[in-house]
C-alpha atoms as a PDB file:
ATOM      1  CA  MET A   1      -1.917  65.024 -44.357  1.00  0.00           C
ATOM      2  CA  SER A   2       1.449  65.245 -46.112  1.00  0.00           C
ATOM      3  CA  GLU A   3       2.339  66.741 -49.359  1.00  0.00           C
ATOM      4  CA  ARG A   4       1.120  63.961 -51.546  1.00  0.00           C
ATOM      5  CA  GLY A   5      -2.162  63.377 -49.612  1.00  0.00           C
ATOM      6  CA  ARG A   6      -0.894  60.362 -47.737  1.00  0.00           C
ATOM      7  CA  MET A   7      -1.259  59.974 -43.930  1.00  0.00           C
ATOM      8  CA  SER A   8       2.030  59.194 -42.144  1.00  0.00           C
ATOM      9  CA  LEU A   9       1.874  56.315 -39.703  1.00  0.00           C
ATOM     10  CA  TRP A  10       4.738  55.596 -37.124  1.00  0.00           C
ATOM     11  CA  ALA A  11       4.876  52.798 -34.662  1.00  0.00           C
ATOM     12  CA  SER A  12       7.102  51.816 -31.765  1.00  0.00           C
ATOM     13  CA  THR A  13       7.049  48.616 -29.875  1.00  0.00           C
ATOM     14  CA  SER A  14       7.998  47.450 -26.479  1.00  0.00           C
ATOM     15  CA  VAL A  15       7.438  50.873 -24.868  1.00  0.00           C
ATOM     16  CA  LEU A  16       6.108  49.906 -21.532  1.00  0.00           C
ATOM     17  CA  ASP A  17       8.411  47.715 -19.001  1.00  0.00           C
ATOM     18  CA  ARG A  18       5.439  46.269 -16.916  1.00  0.00           C
ATOM     19  CA  ALA A  19       3.367  45.158 -19.906  1.00  0.00           C
ATOM     20  CA  ASP A  20       3.530  41.927 -21.741  1.00  0.00           C
ATOM     21  CA  GLY A  21       3.403  43.747 -25.009  1.00  0.00           C
ATOM     22  CA  SER A  22       3.023  47.481 -25.827  1.00  0.00           C
ATOM     23  CA  CYS A  23       3.380  49.912 -28.682  1.00  0.00           C
ATOM     24  CA  ARG A  24       3.036  53.836 -29.394  1.00  0.00           C
ATOM     25  CA  LEU A  25       1.225  54.570 -32.597  1.00  0.00           C
ATOM     26  CA  MET A  26       1.148  57.865 -34.299  1.00  0.00           C
ATOM     27  CA  GLN A  27      -0.687  59.189 -37.268  1.00  0.00           C
ATOM     28  CA  ASP A  28      -0.822  62.783 -38.416  1.00  0.00           C
ATOM     29  CA  GLY A  29      -0.546  64.116 -34.975  1.00  0.00           C
ATOM     30  CA  THR A  30      -2.732  61.695 -33.135  1.00  0.00           C
ATOM     31  CA  CYS A  31      -0.727  59.451 -30.559  1.00  0.00           C
ATOM     32  CA  VAL A  32      -2.041  56.314 -28.627  1.00  0.00           C
ATOM     33  CA  LEU A  33      -0.145  54.244 -26.159  1.00  0.00           C
ATOM     34  CA  VAL A  34      -1.312  50.603 -25.951  1.00  0.00           C
ATOM     35  CA  GLY A  35      -0.279  47.867 -23.373  1.00  0.00           C
ATOM     36  CA  VAL A  36      -1.229  44.183 -23.197  1.00  0.00           C
ATOM     37  CA  PHE A  37      -1.272  42.433 -19.937  1.00  0.00           C
ATOM     38  CA  GLY A  38      -1.989  38.681 -19.644  1.00  0.00           C
ATOM     39  CA  PRO A  39      -3.078  36.078 -19.652  1.00  0.00           C
ATOM     40  CA  VAL A  40      -3.575  36.585 -15.823  1.00  0.00           C
ATOM     41  CA  GLN A  41      -5.811  35.463 -13.218  1.00  0.00           C
ATOM     42  CA  VAL A  42      -9.531  36.563 -13.559  1.00  0.00           C
ATOM     43  CA  ASN A  43     -11.922  37.271 -10.812  1.00  0.00           C
ATOM     44  CA  HIS A  44     -14.790  34.654 -10.527  1.00  0.00           C
ATOM     45  CA  ARG A  45     -17.507  36.955 -11.879  1.00  0.00           C
ATOM     46  CA  GLN A  46     -15.602  37.395 -15.147  1.00  0.00           C
ATOM     47  CA  GLU A  47     -14.371  33.982 -15.491  1.00  0.00           C
ATOM     48  CA  ARG A  48     -15.185  31.894 -18.673  1.00  0.00           C
ATOM     49  CA  LEU A  49     -14.677  28.190 -18.606  1.00  0.00           C
ATOM     50  CA  ASP A  50     -13.980  27.803 -22.149  1.00  0.00           C
ATOM     51  CA  ALA A  51     -11.930  30.993 -23.194  1.00  0.00           C
ATOM     52  CA  ALA A  52      -9.985  33.947 -21.805  1.00  0.00           C
ATOM     53  CA  CYS A  53     -12.143  37.146 -20.944  1.00  0.00           C
ATOM     54  CA  VAL A  54     -10.923  40.044 -22.871  1.00  0.00           C
ATOM     55  CA  ASN A  55     -11.115  43.512 -21.102  1.00  0.00           C
ATOM     56  CA  VAL A  56     -10.384  46.702 -22.782  1.00  0.00           C
ATOM     57  CA  THR A  57     -10.013  50.242 -21.197  1.00  0.00           C
ATOM     58  CA  LEU A  58      -9.447  53.424 -23.099  1.00  0.00           C
ATOM     59  CA  GLN A  59      -8.570  56.593 -21.608  1.00  0.00           C
ATOM     60  CA  TYR A  60      -7.930  60.074 -23.077  1.00  0.00           C
ATOM     61  CA  SER A  61      -4.938  61.970 -21.486  1.00  0.00           C
ATOM     62  CA  THR A  62      -7.575  64.729 -20.788  1.00  0.00           C
ATOM     63  CA  GLY A  63      -9.645  62.620 -18.647  1.00  0.00           C
ATOM     64  CA  GLU A  64     -12.700  62.740 -20.895  1.00  0.00           C
ATOM     65  CA  VAL A  65     -15.419  60.379 -20.335  1.00  0.00           C
ATOM     66  CA  GLY A  66     -18.762  59.652 -21.746  1.00  0.00           C
ATOM     67  CA  PRO A  67     -21.027  57.591 -24.227  1.00  0.00           C
ATOM     68  CA  ALA A  68     -18.521  58.240 -27.017  1.00  0.00           C
ATOM     69  CA  VAL A  69     -15.488  56.845 -25.151  1.00  0.00           C
ATOM     70  CA  SER A  70     -17.746  53.744 -23.834  1.00  0.00           C
ATOM     71  CA  SER A  71     -18.620  52.990 -27.572  1.00  0.00           C
ATOM     72  CA  LEU A  72     -15.273  53.315 -28.763  1.00  0.00           C
ATOM     73  CA  CYS A  73     -14.032  51.107 -25.891  1.00  0.00           C
ATOM     74  CA  GLU A  74     -16.741  48.484 -26.748  1.00  0.00           C
ATOM     75  CA  THR A  75     -15.802  48.407 -30.504  1.00  0.00           C
ATOM     76  CA  LEU A  76     -12.181  47.930 -29.579  1.00  0.00           C
ATOM     77  CA  ARG A  77     -13.069  45.119 -27.179  1.00  0.00           C
ATOM     78  CA  GLN A  78     -15.280  43.496 -29.790  1.00  0.00           C
ATOM     79  CA  TYR A  79     -12.515  43.883 -32.435  1.00  0.00           C
ATOM     80  CA  VAL A  80      -9.969  42.416 -30.086  1.00  0.00           C
ATOM     81  CA  SER A  81     -11.937  39.630 -29.114  1.00  0.00           C
ATOM     82  CA  SER A  82     -12.411  38.502 -32.791  1.00  0.00           C
ATOM     83  CA  VAL A  83      -8.568  38.207 -33.211  1.00  0.00           C
ATOM     84  CA  VAL A  84      -7.416  36.922 -29.891  1.00  0.00           C
ATOM     85  CA  LEU A  85      -7.173  33.187 -29.624  1.00  0.00           C
ATOM     86  CA  ALA A  86      -8.836  33.339 -26.171  1.00  0.00           C
ATOM     87  CA  SER A  87      -9.763  29.520 -26.380  1.00  0.00           C
ATOM     88  CA  LEU A  88      -6.043  28.756 -25.693  1.00  0.00           C
ATOM     89  CA  HIS A  89      -6.402  30.397 -22.275  1.00  0.00           C
ATOM     90  CA  PRO A  90      -9.520  29.387 -20.447  1.00  0.00           C
ATOM     91  CA  ARG A  91     -10.083  30.756 -17.032  1.00  0.00           C
ATOM     92  CA  THR A  92      -8.091  33.771 -17.624  1.00  0.00           C
ATOM     93  CA  GLN A  93      -7.947  37.391 -18.589  1.00  0.00           C
ATOM     94  CA  ILE A  94      -6.250  39.472 -21.255  1.00  0.00           C
ATOM     95  CA  ARG A  95      -6.406  43.024 -20.411  1.00  0.00           C
ATOM     96  CA  ILE A  96      -5.716  45.704 -22.936  1.00  0.00           C
ATOM     97  CA  SER A  97      -5.254  49.283 -21.855  1.00  0.00           C
ATOM     98  CA  ALA A  98      -5.153  52.159 -24.443  1.00  0.00           C
ATOM     99  CA  GLN A  99      -4.600  55.770 -23.759  1.00  0.00           C
ATOM    100  CA  ILE A 100      -4.892  58.646 -26.225  1.00  0.00           C
ATOM    101  CA  LEU A 101      -2.198  61.052 -25.566  1.00  0.00           C
ATOM    102  CA  GLU A 102      -2.978  63.382 -28.269  1.00  0.00           C
ATOM    103  CA  ASP A 103      -6.010  63.563 -30.589  1.00  0.00           C
ATOM    104  CA  TYR A 104      -5.964  65.503 -33.687  1.00  0.00           C
ATOM    105  CA  GLY A 105      -8.782  63.728 -35.467  1.00  0.00           C
ATOM    106  CA  SER A 106      -6.854  60.722 -37.087  1.00  0.00           C
ATOM    107  CA  SER A 107      -8.663  57.733 -36.439  1.00  0.00           C
ATOM    108  CA  LEU A 108      -6.088  55.000 -35.644  1.00  0.00           C
END
């Protein structure tokens, strides 16, 4: 925390060349890199006729995996699905990839 008890938040957009949208978020030592890809073609197993399929992947730079990472990934997917206008892009996929570069306990 800063001197006055406030957390600092910093963001930079368009940091990835191949993504359709991207940003780097930093909050008190925690740094996350996020890329958005799509809408793109989806394989037939995931295809939805009425809306886009939203996929979220989450990775730690340390390679950490487990139930906590899976739970956080599912929470992110549910949140993103609620704000994305998926009905505008039926039979497609919107893919969001997040990588936690540094984790000092701040919850972005």
